[in-house]
PDB file of N, CA and C in Angstrom:
ATOM      1  N   MET A   1       0.450  15.017  -9.154  1.00  0.00           N
ATOM      2  CA  MET A   1      -0.299  16.255  -9.143  1.00  0.00           C
ATOM      3  C   MET A   1       0.555  17.313  -9.824  1.00  0.00           C
ATOM      4  N   THR A   2       0.053  17.872 -10.894  1.00  0.00           N
ATOM      5  CA  THR A   2       0.837  18.840 -11.651  1.00  0.00           C
ATOM      6  C   THR A   2       0.463  20.284 -11.337  1.00  0.00           C
ATOM      7  N   ASN A   3      -0.577  20.504 -10.584  1.00  0.00           N
ATOM      8  CA  ASN A   3      -1.001  21.858 -10.272  1.00  0.00           C
ATOM      9  C   ASN A   3      -0.023  22.487  -9.284  1.00  0.00           C
ATOM     10  N   PRO A   4       0.651  23.561  -9.685  1.00  0.00           N
ATOM     11  CA  PRO A   4       1.635  24.168  -8.787  1.00  0.00           C
ATOM     12  C   PRO A   4       1.008  24.781  -7.535  1.00  0.00           C
ATOM     13  N   GLY A   5      -0.225  25.242  -7.616  1.00  0.00           N
ATOM     14  CA  GLY A   5      -0.888  25.795  -6.444  1.00  0.00           C
ATOM     15  C   GLY A   5      -1.115  24.737  -5.382  1.00  0.00           C
ATOM     16  N   ILE A   6      -1.493  23.535  -5.786  1.00  0.00           N
ATOM     17  CA  ILE A   6      -1.713  22.435  -4.847  1.00  0.00           C
ATOM     18  C   ILE A   6      -0.388  22.032  -4.212  1.00  0.00           C
ATOM     19  N   ARG A   7       0.658  21.932  -5.024  1.00  0.00           N
ATOM     20  CA  ARG A   7       1.982  21.595  -4.483  1.00  0.00           C
ATOM     21  C   ARG A   7       2.449  22.633  -3.474  1.00  0.00           C
ATOM     22  N   MET A   8       2.200  23.903  -3.789  1.00  0.00           N
ATOM     23  CA  MET A   8       2.607  24.970  -2.879  1.00  0.00           C
ATOM     24  C   MET A   8       1.864  24.846  -1.546  1.00  0.00           C
ATOM     25  N   ILE A   9       0.576  24.586  -1.577  1.00  0.00           N
ATOM     26  CA  ILE A   9      -0.203  24.454  -0.347  1.00  0.00           C
ATOM     27  C   ILE A   9       0.263  23.242   0.454  1.00  0.00           C
ATOM     28  N   LEU A  10       0.570  22.149  -0.221  1.00  0.00           N
ATOM     29  CA  LEU A  10       1.084  20.976   0.488  1.00  0.00           C
ATOM     30  C   LEU A  10       2.410  21.281   1.179  1.00  0.00           C
ATOM     31  N   TRP A  11       3.313  21.959   0.480  1.00  0.00           N
ATOM     32  CA  TRP A  11       4.603  22.312   1.082  1.00  0.00           C
ATOM     33  C   TRP A  11       4.419  23.266   2.254  1.00  0.00           C
ATOM     34  N   ILE A  12       3.549  24.248   2.087  1.00  0.00           N
ATOM     35  CA  ILE A  12       3.281  25.182   3.187  1.00  0.00           C
ATOM     36  C   ILE A  12       2.742  24.427   4.391  1.00  0.00           C
ATOM     37  N   SER A  13       1.842  23.495   4.154  1.00  0.00           N
ATOM     38  CA  SER A  13       1.265  22.704   5.246  1.00  0.00           C
ATOM     39  C   SER A  13       2.337  21.898   5.980  1.00  0.00           C
ATOM     40  N   LEU A  14       3.218  21.278   5.240  1.00  0.00           N
ATOM     41  CA  LEU A  14       4.274  20.484   5.870  1.00  0.00           C
ATOM     42  C   LEU A  14       5.268  21.368   6.625  1.00  0.00           C
ATOM     43  N   VAL A  15       5.570  22.541   6.085  1.00  0.00           N
ATOM     44  CA  VAL A  15       6.486  23.460   6.773  1.00  0.00           C
ATOM     45  C   VAL A  15       5.834  23.974   8.060  1.00  0.00           C
ATOM     46  N   ILE A  16       4.562  24.338   7.989  1.00  0.00           N
ATOM     47  CA  ILE A  16       3.861  24.797   9.191  1.00  0.00           C
ATOM     48  C   ILE A  16       3.823  23.674  10.225  1.00  0.00           C
ATOM     49  N   GLY A  17       3.558  22.445   9.786  1.00  0.00           N
ATOM     50  CA  GLY A  17       3.549  21.310  10.709  1.00  0.00           C
ATOM     51  C   GLY A  17       4.893  21.118  11.394  1.00  0.00           C
ATOM     52  N   ALA A  18       5.973  21.252  10.627  1.00  0.00           N
ATOM     53  CA  ALA A  18       7.307  21.115  11.216  1.00  0.00           C
ATOM     54  C   ALA A  18       7.585  22.242  12.208  1.00  0.00           C
ATOM     55  N   LEU A  19       7.186  23.454  11.859  1.00  0.00           N
ATOM     56  CA  LEU A  19       7.379  24.580  12.774  1.00  0.00           C
ATOM     57  C   LEU A  19       6.568  24.407  14.057  1.00  0.00           C
ATOM     58  N   LEU A  20       5.333  23.934  13.919  1.00  0.00           N
ATOM     59  CA  LEU A  20       4.502  23.707  15.109  1.00  0.00           C
ATOM     60  C   LEU A  20       5.066  22.579  15.974  1.00  0.00           C
ATOM     61  N   ALA A  21       5.592  21.539  15.347  1.00  0.00           N
ATOM     62  CA  ALA A  21       6.196  20.445  16.119  1.00  0.00           C
ATOM     63  C   ALA A  21       7.429  20.951  16.861  1.00  0.00           C
ATOM     64  N   PHE A  22       8.254  21.752  16.188  1.00  0.00           N
ATOM     65  CA  PHE A  22       9.426  22.329  16.847  1.00  0.00           C
ATOM     66  C   PHE A  22       9.000  23.227  18.008  1.00  0.00           C
ATOM     67  N   LEU A  23       7.954  24.027  17.787  1.00  0.00           N
ATOM     68  CA  LEU A  23       7.445  24.895  18.842  1.00  0.00           C
ATOM     69  C   LEU A  23       6.938  24.071  20.026  1.00  0.00           C
ATOM     70  N   SER A  24       6.294  22.957  19.734  1.00  0.00           N
ATOM     71  CA  SER A  24       5.821  22.074  20.800  1.00  0.00           C
ATOM     72  C   SER A  24       6.988  21.469  21.576  1.00  0.00           C
ATOM     73  N   LEU A  25       8.042  21.113  20.870  1.00  0.00           N
ATOM     74  CA  LEU A  25       9.241  20.599  21.550  1.00  0.00           C
ATOM     75  C   LEU A  25       9.854  21.653  22.462  1.00  0.00           C
ATOM     76  N   TRP A  26       9.851  22.883  21.994  1.00  0.00           N
ATOM     77  CA  TRP A  26      10.493  23.957  22.724  1.00  0.00           C
ATOM     78  C   TRP A  26       9.648  24.428  23.907  1.00  0.00           C
ATOM     79  N   VAL A  27       8.338  24.610  23.690  1.00  0.00           N
ATOM     80  CA  VAL A  27       7.475  25.181  24.722  1.00  0.00           C
ATOM     81  C   VAL A  27       6.976  24.131  25.709  1.00  0.00           C
ATOM     82  N   GLN A  28       6.570  22.971  25.219  1.00  0.00           N
ATOM     83  CA  GLN A  28       5.924  21.978  26.073  1.00  0.00           C
ATOM     84  C   GLN A  28       6.749  20.713  26.246  1.00  0.00           C
ATOM     85  N   ASN A  29       8.021  20.789  26.016  1.00  0.00           N
ATOM     86  CA  ASN A  29       8.924  19.645  26.164  1.00  0.00           C
ATOM     87  C   ASN A  29       8.497  18.437  25.342  1.00  0.00           C
ATOM     88  N   GLY A  30       7.892  18.671  24.198  1.00  0.00           N
ATOM     89  CA  GLY A  30       7.554  17.603  23.269  1.00  0.00           C
ATOM     90  C   GLY A  30       6.302  16.825  23.592  1.00  0.00           C
ATOM     91  N   GLU A  31       5.518  17.301  24.551  1.00  0.00           N
ATOM     92  CA  GLU A  31       4.325  16.555  24.957  1.00  0.00           C
ATOM     93  C   GLU A  31       3.351  16.351  23.794  1.00  0.00           C
ATOM     94  N   HIS A  32       3.227  17.340  22.933  1.00  0.00           N
ATOM     95  CA  HIS A  32       2.268  17.267  21.831  1.00  0.00           C
ATOM     96  C   HIS A  32       2.938  17.139  20.460  1.00  0.00           C
ATOM     97  N   ALA A  33       4.246  17.072  20.408  1.00  0.00           N
ATOM     98  CA  ALA A  33       4.965  17.106  19.134  1.00  0.00           C
ATOM     99  C   ALA A  33       4.608  15.923  18.230  1.00  0.00           C
ATOM    100  N   GLY A  34       4.511  14.732  18.794  1.00  0.00           N
ATOM    101  CA  GLY A  34       4.159  13.563  17.977  1.00  0.00           C
ATOM    102  C   GLY A  34       2.788  13.704  17.352  1.00  0.00           C
ATOM    103  N   GLY A  35       1.837  14.230  18.110  1.00  0.00           N
ATOM    104  CA  GLY A  35       0.496  14.454  17.581  1.00  0.00           C
ATOM    105  C   GLY A  35       0.478  15.502  16.491  1.00  0.00           C
ATOM    106  N   VAL A  36       1.280  16.550  16.676  1.00  0.00           N
ATOM    107  CA  VAL A  36       1.348  17.609  15.665  1.00  0.00           C
ATOM    108  C   VAL A  36       1.909  17.053  14.356  1.00  0.00           C
ATOM    109  N   VAL A  37       2.978  16.287  14.446  1.00  0.00           N
ATOM    110  CA  VAL A  37       3.583  15.716  13.231  1.00  0.00           C
ATOM    111  C   VAL A  37       2.612  14.754  12.548  1.00  0.00           C
ATOM    112  N   ALA A  38       1.999  13.868  13.331  1.00  0.00           N
ATOM    113  CA  ALA A  38       1.048  12.907  12.755  1.00  0.00           C
ATOM    114  C   ALA A  38      -0.134  13.626  12.132  1.00  0.00           C
ATOM    115  N   GLY A  39      -0.666  14.635  12.825  1.00  0.00           N
ATOM    116  CA  GLY A  39      -1.795  15.389  12.289  1.00  0.00           C
ATOM    117  C   GLY A  39      -1.440  16.129  11.012  1.00  0.00           C
ATOM    118  N   ALA A  40      -0.244  16.721  10.981  1.00  0.00           N
ATOM    119  CA  ALA A  40       0.187  17.449   9.784  1.00  0.00           C
ATOM    120  C   ALA A  40       0.338  16.509   8.590  1.00  0.00           C
ATOM    121  N   LEU A  41       0.921  15.342   8.823  1.00  0.00           N
ATOM    122  CA  LEU A  41       1.107  14.391   7.719  1.00  0.00           C
ATOM    123  C   LEU A  41      -0.232  13.854   7.213  1.00  0.00           C
ATOM    124  N   ILE A  42      -1.107  13.465   8.138  1.00  0.00           N
ATOM    125  CA  ILE A  42      -2.409  12.926   7.727  1.00  0.00           C
ATOM    126  C   ILE A  42      -3.273  14.020   7.104  1.00  0.00           C
ATOM    127  N   GLY A  43      -3.209  15.238   7.645  1.00  0.00           N
ATOM    128  CA  GLY A  43      -3.957  16.343   7.054  1.00  0.00           C
ATOM    129  C   GLY A  43      -3.491  16.656   5.644  1.00  0.00           C
ATOM    130  N   SER A  44      -2.191  16.627   5.421  1.00  0.00           N
ATOM    131  CA  SER A  44      -1.650  16.874   4.081  1.00  0.00           C
ATOM    132  C   SER A  44      -2.032  15.753   3.117  1.00  0.00           C
ATOM    133  N   LEU A  45      -1.994  14.516   3.598  1.00  0.00           N
ATOM    134  CA  LEU A  45      -2.416  13.383   2.769  1.00  0.00           C
ATOM    135  C   LEU A  45      -3.895  13.509   2.407  1.00  0.00           C
ATOM    136  N   ASN A  46      -4.703  13.895   3.368  1.00  0.00           N
ATOM    137  CA  ASN A  46      -6.123  14.076   3.132  1.00  0.00           C
ATOM    138  C   ASN A  46      -6.363  15.178   2.090  1.00  0.00           C
ATOM    139  N   PHE A  47      -5.645  16.285   2.219  1.00  0.00           N
ATOM    140  CA  PHE A  47      -5.769  17.373   1.254  1.00  0.00           C
ATOM    141  C   PHE A  47      -5.346  16.911  -0.144  1.00  0.00           C
ATOM    142  N   TYR A  48      -4.277  16.147  -0.217  1.00  0.00           N
ATOM    143  CA  TYR A  48      -3.801  15.643  -1.503  1.00  0.00           C
ATOM    144  C   TYR A  48      -4.853  14.741  -2.161  1.00  0.00           C
ATOM    145  N   PHE A  49      -5.441  13.825  -1.363  1.00  0.00           N
ATOM    146  CA  PHE A  49      -6.498  12.955  -1.893  1.00  0.00           C
ATOM    147  C   PHE A  49      -7.684  13.776  -2.395  1.00  0.00           C
ATOM    148  N   LEU A  50      -8.070  14.784  -1.642  1.00  0.00           N
ATOM    149  CA  LEU A  50      -9.197  15.625  -2.037  1.00  0.00           C
ATOM    150  C   LEU A  50      -8.880  16.382  -3.323  1.00  0.00           C
ATOM    151  N   ALA A  51      -7.669  16.921  -3.431  1.00  0.00           N
ATOM    152  CA  ALA A  51      -7.276  17.649  -4.642  1.00  0.00           C
ATOM    153  C   ALA A  51      -7.272  16.724  -5.861  1.00  0.00           C
ATOM    154  N   LEU A  52      -6.773  15.501  -5.689  1.00  0.00           N
ATOM    155  CA  LEU A  52      -6.796  14.542  -6.799  1.00  0.00           C
ATOM    156  C   LEU A  52      -8.222  14.238  -7.240  1.00  0.00           C
ATOM    157  N   MET A  53      -9.104  14.040  -6.263  1.00  0.00           N
ATOM    158  CA  MET A  53     -10.487  13.692  -6.577  1.00  0.00           C
ATOM    159  C   MET A  53     -11.178  14.837  -7.316  1.00  0.00           C
ATOM    160  N   ILE A  54     -10.974  16.045  -6.857  1.00  0.00           N
ATOM    161  CA  ILE A  54     -11.588  17.199  -7.518  1.00  0.00           C
ATOM    162  C   ILE A  54     -11.038  17.355  -8.931  1.00  0.00           C
ATOM    163  N   GLN A  55      -9.751  17.140  -9.102  1.00  0.00           N
ATOM    164  CA  GLN A  55      -9.156  17.247 -10.440  1.00  0.00           C
ATOM    165  C   GLN A  55      -9.752  16.211 -11.382  1.00  0.00           C
ATOM    166  N   LYS A  56      -9.973  14.997 -10.895  1.00  0.00           N
ATOM    167  CA  LYS A  56     -10.556  13.952 -11.753  1.00  0.00           C
ATOM    168  C   LYS A  56     -12.007  14.260 -12.085  1.00  0.00           C
ATOM    169  N   ILE A  57     -12.739  14.856 -11.151  1.00  0.00           N
ATOM    170  CA  ILE A  57     -14.126  15.234 -11.433  1.00  0.00           C
ATOM    171  C   ILE A  57     -14.158  16.358 -12.467  1.00  0.00           C
ATOM    172  N   VAL A  58     -13.266  17.336 -12.313  1.00  0.00           N
ATOM    173  CA  VAL A  58     -13.203  18.454 -13.253  1.00  0.00           C
ATOM    174  C   VAL A  58     -12.793  17.968 -14.638  1.00  0.00           C
ATOM    175  N   ASP A  59     -11.903  16.987 -14.693  1.00  0.00           N
ATOM    176  CA  ASP A  59     -11.463  16.440 -15.977  1.00  0.00           C
ATOM    177  C   ASP A  59     -12.555  15.627 -16.653  1.00  0.00           C
ATOM    178  N   ASP A  60     -13.698  15.476 -15.987  1.00  0.00           N
ATOM    179  CA  ASP A  60     -14.853  14.753 -16.509  1.00  0.00           C
ATOM    180  C   ASP A  60     -14.502  13.306 -16.848  1.00  0.00           C
ATOM    181  N   SER A  61     -14.035  12.612 -15.829  1.00  0.00           N
ATOM    182  CA  SER A  61     -13.696  11.202 -15.968  1.00  0.00           C
ATOM    183  C   SER A  61     -14.933  10.393 -16.346  1.00  0.00           C
ATOM    184  N   PRO A  62     -14.839   9.514 -17.352  1.00  0.00           N
ATOM    185  CA  PRO A  62     -16.017   8.745 -17.762  1.00  0.00           C
ATOM    186  C   PRO A  62     -16.406   7.658 -16.760  1.00  0.00           C
ATOM    187  N   ASN A  63     -15.481   7.206 -15.930  1.00  0.00           N
ATOM    188  CA  ASN A  63     -15.747   6.115 -15.003  1.00  0.00           C
ATOM    189  C   ASN A  63     -16.096   6.680 -13.620  1.00  0.00           C
ATOM    190  N   LYS A  64     -17.354   7.115 -13.450  1.00  0.00           N
ATOM    191  CA  LYS A  64     -17.773   7.726 -12.185  1.00  0.00           C
ATOM    192  C   LYS A  64     -17.858   6.698 -11.061  1.00  0.00           C
ATOM    193  N   THR A  65     -18.225   5.469 -11.361  1.00  0.00           N
ATOM    194  CA  THR A  65     -18.331   4.439 -10.323  1.00  0.00           C
ATOM    195  C   THR A  65     -16.960   4.115  -9.752  1.00  0.00           C
ATOM    196  N   GLY A  66     -15.984   3.935 -10.609  1.00  0.00           N
ATOM    197  CA  GLY A  66     -14.618   3.679 -10.147  1.00  0.00           C
ATOM    198  C   GLY A  66     -14.071   4.847  -9.345  1.00  0.00           C
ATOM    199  N   LEU A  67     -14.424   6.053  -9.768  1.00  0.00           N
ATOM    200  CA  LEU A  67     -13.995   7.252  -9.061  1.00  0.00           C
ATOM    201  C   LEU A  67     -14.593   7.294  -7.660  1.00  0.00           C
ATOM    202  N   LEU A  68     -15.854   6.948  -7.538  1.00  0.00           N
ATOM    203  CA  LEU A  68     -16.517   6.932  -6.239  1.00  0.00           C
ATOM    204  C   LEU A  68     -15.919   5.861  -5.331  1.00  0.00           C
ATOM    205  N   LEU A  69     -15.630   4.689  -5.879  1.00  0.00           N
ATOM    206  CA  LEU A  69     -15.031   3.622  -5.068  1.00  0.00           C
ATOM    207  C   LEU A  69     -13.632   4.005  -4.582  1.00  0.00           C
ATOM    208  N   ARG A  70     -12.849   4.635  -5.440  1.00  0.00           N
ATOM    209  CA  ARG A  70     -11.516   5.095  -5.023  1.00  0.00           C
ATOM    210  C   ARG A  70     -11.620   6.179  -3.956  1.00  0.00           C
ATOM    211  N   PHE A  71     -12.606   7.062  -4.109  1.00  0.00           N
ATOM    212  CA  PHE A  71     -12.835   8.109  -3.123  1.00  0.00           C
ATOM    213  C   PHE A  71     -13.155   7.497  -1.762  1.00  0.00           C
ATOM    214  N   LEU A  72     -14.057   6.538  -1.735  1.00  0.00           N
ATOM    215  CA  LEU A  72     -14.429   5.884  -0.483  1.00  0.00           C
ATOM    216  C   LEU A  72     -13.247   5.122   0.123  1.00  0.00           C
ATOM    217  N   PHE A  73     -12.466   4.458  -0.708  1.00  0.00           N
ATOM    218  CA  PHE A  73     -11.303   3.733  -0.212  1.00  0.00           C
ATOM    219  C   PHE A  73     -10.278   4.686   0.405  1.00  0.00           C
ATOM    220  N   LYS A  74      -9.999   5.780  -0.287  1.00  0.00           N
ATOM    221  CA  LYS A  74      -8.995   6.723   0.210  1.00  0.00           C
ATOM    222  C   LYS A  74      -9.432   7.352   1.522  1.00  0.00           C
ATOM    223  N   TYR A  75     -10.695   7.713   1.637  1.00  0.00           N
ATOM    224  CA  TYR A  75     -11.144   8.308   2.891  1.00  0.00           C
ATOM    225  C   TYR A  75     -11.312   7.274   3.984  1.00  0.00           C
ATOM    226  N   GLY A  76     -11.581   6.050   3.626  1.00  0.00           N
ATOM    227  CA  GLY A  76     -11.538   4.973   4.616  1.00  0.00           C
ATOM    228  C   GLY A  76     -10.126   4.790   5.141  1.00  0.00           C
ATOM    229  N   LEU A  77      -9.153   4.861   4.247  1.00  0.00           N
ATOM    230  CA  LEU A  77      -7.744   4.767   4.641  1.00  0.00           C
ATOM    231  C   LEU A  77      -7.351   5.911   5.577  1.00  0.00           C
ATOM    232  N   VAL A  78      -7.782   7.128   5.266  1.00  0.00           N
ATOM    233  CA  VAL A  78      -7.496   8.274   6.134  1.00  0.00           C
ATOM    234  C   VAL A  78      -8.146   8.059   7.498  1.00  0.00           C
ATOM    235  N   GLY A  79      -9.367   7.561   7.527  1.00  0.00           N
ATOM    236  CA  GLY A  79     -10.043   7.285   8.797  1.00  0.00           C
ATOM    237  C   GLY A  79      -9.310   6.251   9.630  1.00  0.00           C
ATOM    238  N   VAL A  80      -8.824   5.198   8.986  1.00  0.00           N
ATOM    239  CA  VAL A  80      -8.055   4.172   9.692  1.00  0.00           C
ATOM    240  C   VAL A  80      -6.754   4.765  10.233  1.00  0.00           C
ATOM    241  N   LEU A  81      -6.098   5.603   9.432  1.00  0.00           N
ATOM    242  CA  LEU A  81      -4.865   6.252   9.896  1.00  0.00           C
ATOM    243  C   LEU A  81      -5.122   7.153  11.110  1.00  0.00           C
ATOM    244  N   VAL A  82      -6.214   7.906  11.081  1.00  0.00           N
ATOM    245  CA  VAL A  82      -6.552   8.769  12.215  1.00  0.00           C
ATOM    246  C   VAL A  82      -6.818   7.931  13.458  1.00  0.00           C
ATOM    247  N   ALA A  83      -7.631   6.893  13.310  1.00  0.00           N
ATOM    248  CA  ALA A  83      -7.954   6.038  14.459  1.00  0.00           C
ATOM    249  C   ALA A  83      -6.704   5.359  15.001  1.00  0.00           C
ATOM    250  N   ALA A  84      -5.878   4.824  14.130  1.00  0.00           N
ATOM    251  CA  ALA A  84      -4.659   4.150  14.578  1.00  0.00           C
ATOM    252  C   ALA A  84      -3.719   5.123  15.275  1.00  0.00           C
ATOM    253  N   THR A  85      -3.620   6.325  14.740  1.00  0.00           N
ATOM    254  CA  THR A  85      -2.727   7.325  15.330  1.00  0.00           C
ATOM    255  C   THR A  85      -3.164   7.690  16.742  1.00  0.00           C
ATOM    256  N   ILE A  86      -4.455   7.890  16.920  1.00  0.00           N
ATOM    257  CA  ILE A  86      -4.943   8.325  18.229  1.00  0.00           C
ATOM    258  C   ILE A  86      -5.075   7.165  19.211  1.00  0.00           C
ATOM    259  N   PHE A  87      -5.641   6.038  18.768  1.00  0.00           N
ATOM    260  CA  PHE A  87      -5.961   4.960  19.705  1.00  0.00           C
ATOM    261  C   PHE A  87      -4.850   3.924  19.874  1.00  0.00           C
ATOM    262  N   ILE A  88      -4.085   3.671  18.844  1.00  0.00           N
ATOM    263  CA  ILE A  88      -3.026   2.660  18.952  1.00  0.00           C
ATOM    264  C   ILE A  88      -1.703   3.314  19.356  1.00  0.00           C
ATOM    265  N   PHE A  89      -1.334   4.383  18.651  1.00  0.00           N
ATOM    266  CA  PHE A  89      -0.054   5.028  18.943  1.00  0.00           C
ATOM    267  C   PHE A  89      -0.153   6.032  20.088  1.00  0.00           C
ATOM    268  N   ARG A  90      -1.367   6.348  20.509  1.00  0.00           N
ATOM    269  CA  ARG A  90      -1.623   7.198  21.682  1.00  0.00           C
ATOM    270  C   ARG A  90      -0.931   8.555  21.608  1.00  0.00           C
ATOM    271  N   VAL A  91      -1.010   9.186  20.442  1.00  0.00           N
ATOM    272  CA  VAL A  91      -0.455  10.532  20.349  1.00  0.00           C
ATOM    273  C   VAL A  91      -1.414  11.501  21.028  1.00  0.00           C
ATOM    274  N   SER A  92      -0.927  12.669  21.336  1.00  0.00           N
ATOM    275  CA  SER A  92      -1.729  13.696  21.976  1.00  0.00           C
ATOM    276  C   SER A  92      -2.868  14.126  21.049  1.00  0.00           C
ATOM    277  N   SER A  93      -4.092  14.066  21.553  1.00  0.00           N
ATOM    278  CA  SER A  93      -5.247  14.482  20.746  1.00  0.00           C
ATOM    279  C   SER A  93      -5.190  15.970  20.429  1.00  0.00           C
ATOM    280  N   LEU A  94      -4.742  16.759  21.389  1.00  0.00           N
ATOM    281  CA  LEU A  94      -4.611  18.200  21.157  1.00  0.00           C
ATOM    282  C   LEU A  94      -3.554  18.471  20.084  1.00  0.00           C
ATOM    283  N   GLY A  95      -2.417  17.811  20.190  1.00  0.00           N
ATOM    284  CA  GLY A  95      -1.380  17.968  19.178  1.00  0.00           C
ATOM    285  C   GLY A  95      -1.856  17.520  17.805  1.00  0.00           C
ATOM    286  N   PHE A  96      -2.605  16.424  17.772  1.00  0.00           N
ATOM    287  CA  PHE A  96      -3.130  15.923  16.504  1.00  0.00           C
ATOM    288  C   PHE A  96      -4.093  16.934  15.882  1.00  0.00           C
ATOM    289  N   ALA A  97      -4.968  17.509  16.706  1.00  0.00           N
ATOM    290  CA  ALA A  97      -5.921  18.497  16.202  1.00  0.00           C
ATOM    291  C   ALA A  97      -5.195  19.730  15.653  1.00  0.00           C
ATOM    292  N   VAL A  98      -4.160  20.162  16.351  1.00  0.00           N
ATOM    293  CA  VAL A  98      -3.374  21.303  15.872  1.00  0.00           C
ATOM    294  C   VAL A  98      -2.694  20.941  14.556  1.00  0.00           C
ATOM    295  N   GLY A  99      -2.110  19.757  14.493  1.00  0.00           N
ATOM    296  CA  GLY A  99      -1.401  19.347  13.287  1.00  0.00           C
ATOM    297  C   GLY A  99      -2.311  19.204  12.079  1.00  0.00           C
ATOM    298  N   ILE A 100      -3.473  18.598  12.276  1.00  0.00           N
ATOM    299  CA  ILE A 100      -4.362  18.361  11.134  1.00  0.00           C
ATOM    300  C   ILE A 100      -5.027  19.652  10.664  1.00  0.00           C
ATOM    301  N   SER A 101      -5.175  20.608  11.579  1.00  0.00           N
ATOM    302  CA  SER A 101      -5.819  21.867  11.190  1.00  0.00           C
ATOM    303  C   SER A 101      -4.862  22.839  10.514  1.00  0.00           C
ATOM    304  N   ASN A 102      -3.584  22.512  10.474  1.00  0.00           N
ATOM    305  CA  ASN A 102      -2.653  23.438   9.824  1.00  0.00           C
ATOM    306  C   ASN A 102      -2.884  23.515   8.318  1.00  0.00           C
ATOM    307  N   VAL A 103      -3.602  22.550   7.752  1.00  0.00           N
ATOM    308  CA  VAL A 103      -3.917  22.601   6.322  1.00  0.00           C
ATOM    309  C   VAL A 103      -4.783  23.826   6.027  1.00  0.00           C
ATOM    310  N   VAL A 104      -5.674  24.173   6.963  1.00  0.00           N
ATOM    311  CA  VAL A 104      -6.516  25.355   6.778  1.00  0.00           C
ATOM    312  C   VAL A 104      -5.645  26.615   6.709  1.00  0.00           C
ATOM    313  N   LEU A 105      -4.685  26.712   7.618  1.00  0.00           N
ATOM    314  CA  LEU A 105      -3.770  27.850   7.595  1.00  0.00           C
ATOM    315  C   LEU A 105      -2.952  27.863   6.300  1.00  0.00           C
ATOM    316  N   ALA A 106      -2.536  26.689   5.846  1.00  0.00           N
ATOM    317  CA  ALA A 106      -1.788  26.602   4.587  1.00  0.00           C
ATOM    318  C   ALA A 106      -2.647  27.049   3.402  1.00  0.00           C
ATOM    319  N   LEU A 107      -3.942  26.714   3.429  1.00  0.00           N
ATOM    320  CA  LEU A 107      -4.844  27.162   2.365  1.00  0.00           C
ATOM    321  C   LEU A 107      -4.966  28.682   2.346  1.00  0.00           C
ATOM    322  N   VAL A 108      -5.071  29.274   3.517  1.00  0.00           N
ATOM    323  CA  VAL A 108      -5.173  30.735   3.605  1.00  0.00           C
ATOM    324  C   VAL A 108      -3.884  31.378   3.097  1.00  0.00           C
ATOM    325  N   ILE A 109      -2.745  30.886   3.556  1.00  0.00           N
ATOM    326  CA  ILE A 109      -1.456  31.447   3.116  1.00  0.00           C
ATOM    327  C   ILE A 109      -1.266  31.230   1.616  1.00  0.00           C
ATOM    328  N   GLY A 110      -1.606  30.038   1.141  1.00  0.00           N
ATOM    329  CA  GLY A 110      -1.494  29.767  -0.297  1.00  0.00           C
ATOM    330  C   GLY A 110      -2.416  30.642  -1.121  1.00  0.00           C
ATOM    331  N   GLY A 111      -3.619  30.890  -0.617  1.00  0.00           N
ATOM    332  CA  GLY A 111      -4.553  31.763  -1.328  1.00  0.00           C
ATOM    333  C   GLY A 111      -4.059  33.193  -1.393  1.00  0.00           C
ATOM    334  N   VAL A 112      -3.544  33.693  -0.276  1.00  0.00           N
ATOM    335  CA  VAL A 112      -3.009  35.059  -0.259  1.00  0.00           C
ATOM    336  C   VAL A 112      -1.780  35.154  -1.160  1.00  0.00           C
ATOM    337  N   ALA A 113      -0.912  34.156  -1.099  1.00  0.00           N
ATOM    338  CA  ALA A 113       0.269  34.157  -1.965  1.00  0.00           C
ATOM    339  C   ALA A 113      -0.135  34.088  -3.433  1.00  0.00           C
ATOM    340  N   GLY A 114      -1.187  33.343  -3.726  1.00  0.00           N
ATOM    341  CA  GLY A 114      -1.667  33.242  -5.104  1.00  0.00           C
ATOM    342  C   GLY A 114      -2.190  34.549  -5.647  1.00  0.00           C
ATOM    343  N   VAL A 115      -2.785  35.372  -4.784  1.00  0.00           N
ATOM    344  CA  VAL A 115      -3.295  36.683  -5.211  1.00  0.00           C
ATOM    345  C   VAL A 115      -2.142  37.578  -5.656  1.00  0.00           C
ATOM    346  N   PHE A 116      -1.015  37.509  -4.923  1.00  0.00           N
ATOM    347  CA  PHE A 116       0.101  38.389  -5.233  1.00  0.00           C
ATOM    348  C   PHE A 116       1.010  37.845  -6.338  1.00  0.00           C
ATOM    349  N   THR A 117       0.925  36.560  -6.622  1.00  0.00           N
ATOM    350  CA  THR A 117       1.779  35.999  -7.668  1.00  0.00           C
ATOM    351  C   THR A 117       1.030  35.707  -8.962  1.00  0.00           C
ATOM    352  N   ARG A 118      -0.251  35.934  -8.972  1.00  0.00           N
ATOM    353  CA  ARG A 118      -1.063  35.660 -10.165  1.00  0.00           C
ATOM    354  C   ARG A 118      -0.690  36.630 -11.282  1.00  0.00           C
ATOM    355  N   GLU A 119      -0.554  36.067 -12.471  1.00  0.00           N
ATOM    356  CA  GLU A 119      -0.245  36.906 -13.621  1.00  0.00           C
ATOM    357  C   GLU A 119      -1.536  37.524 -14.139  1.00  0.00           C
ATOM    358  N   THR A 120      -1.491  38.793 -14.474  1.00  0.00           N
ATOM    359  CA  THR A 120      -2.679  39.467 -14.997  1.00  0.00           C
ATOM    360  C   THR A 120      -2.558  39.578 -16.515  1.00  0.00           C
ATOM    361  N   ASP A 121      -3.708  39.579 -17.153  1.00  0.00           N
ATOM    362  CA  ASP A 121      -3.724  39.665 -18.619  1.00  0.00           C
ATOM    363  C   ASP A 121      -3.614  41.089 -19.086  1.00  0.00           C
TER     364      ASP A 121
END
């Protein structure tokens, strides 16, 4: 991914996830920290897959069928990761929800940062 805005949002998301996991360790003795970390990682992966897919659609890829199959595979993979994280590894559902939703906060922070760093003509 060469778009610096996407990279910035991914980094912000991972930093927020780490801060939330640390906060969970400090405030709740780590009860939700594993869920926060897992949610942050899966949420960032999901955002990355979505950004790649949108970039390929914008680039007007000639192979729409292959693009659709890759899209379905990637989101199937994310679904399997979510299910495995919650049901097999038994992480905290609340922590997972907090971790996966930090991408939204990263988007807001990245958008605000983009307004102030955008070059004007």
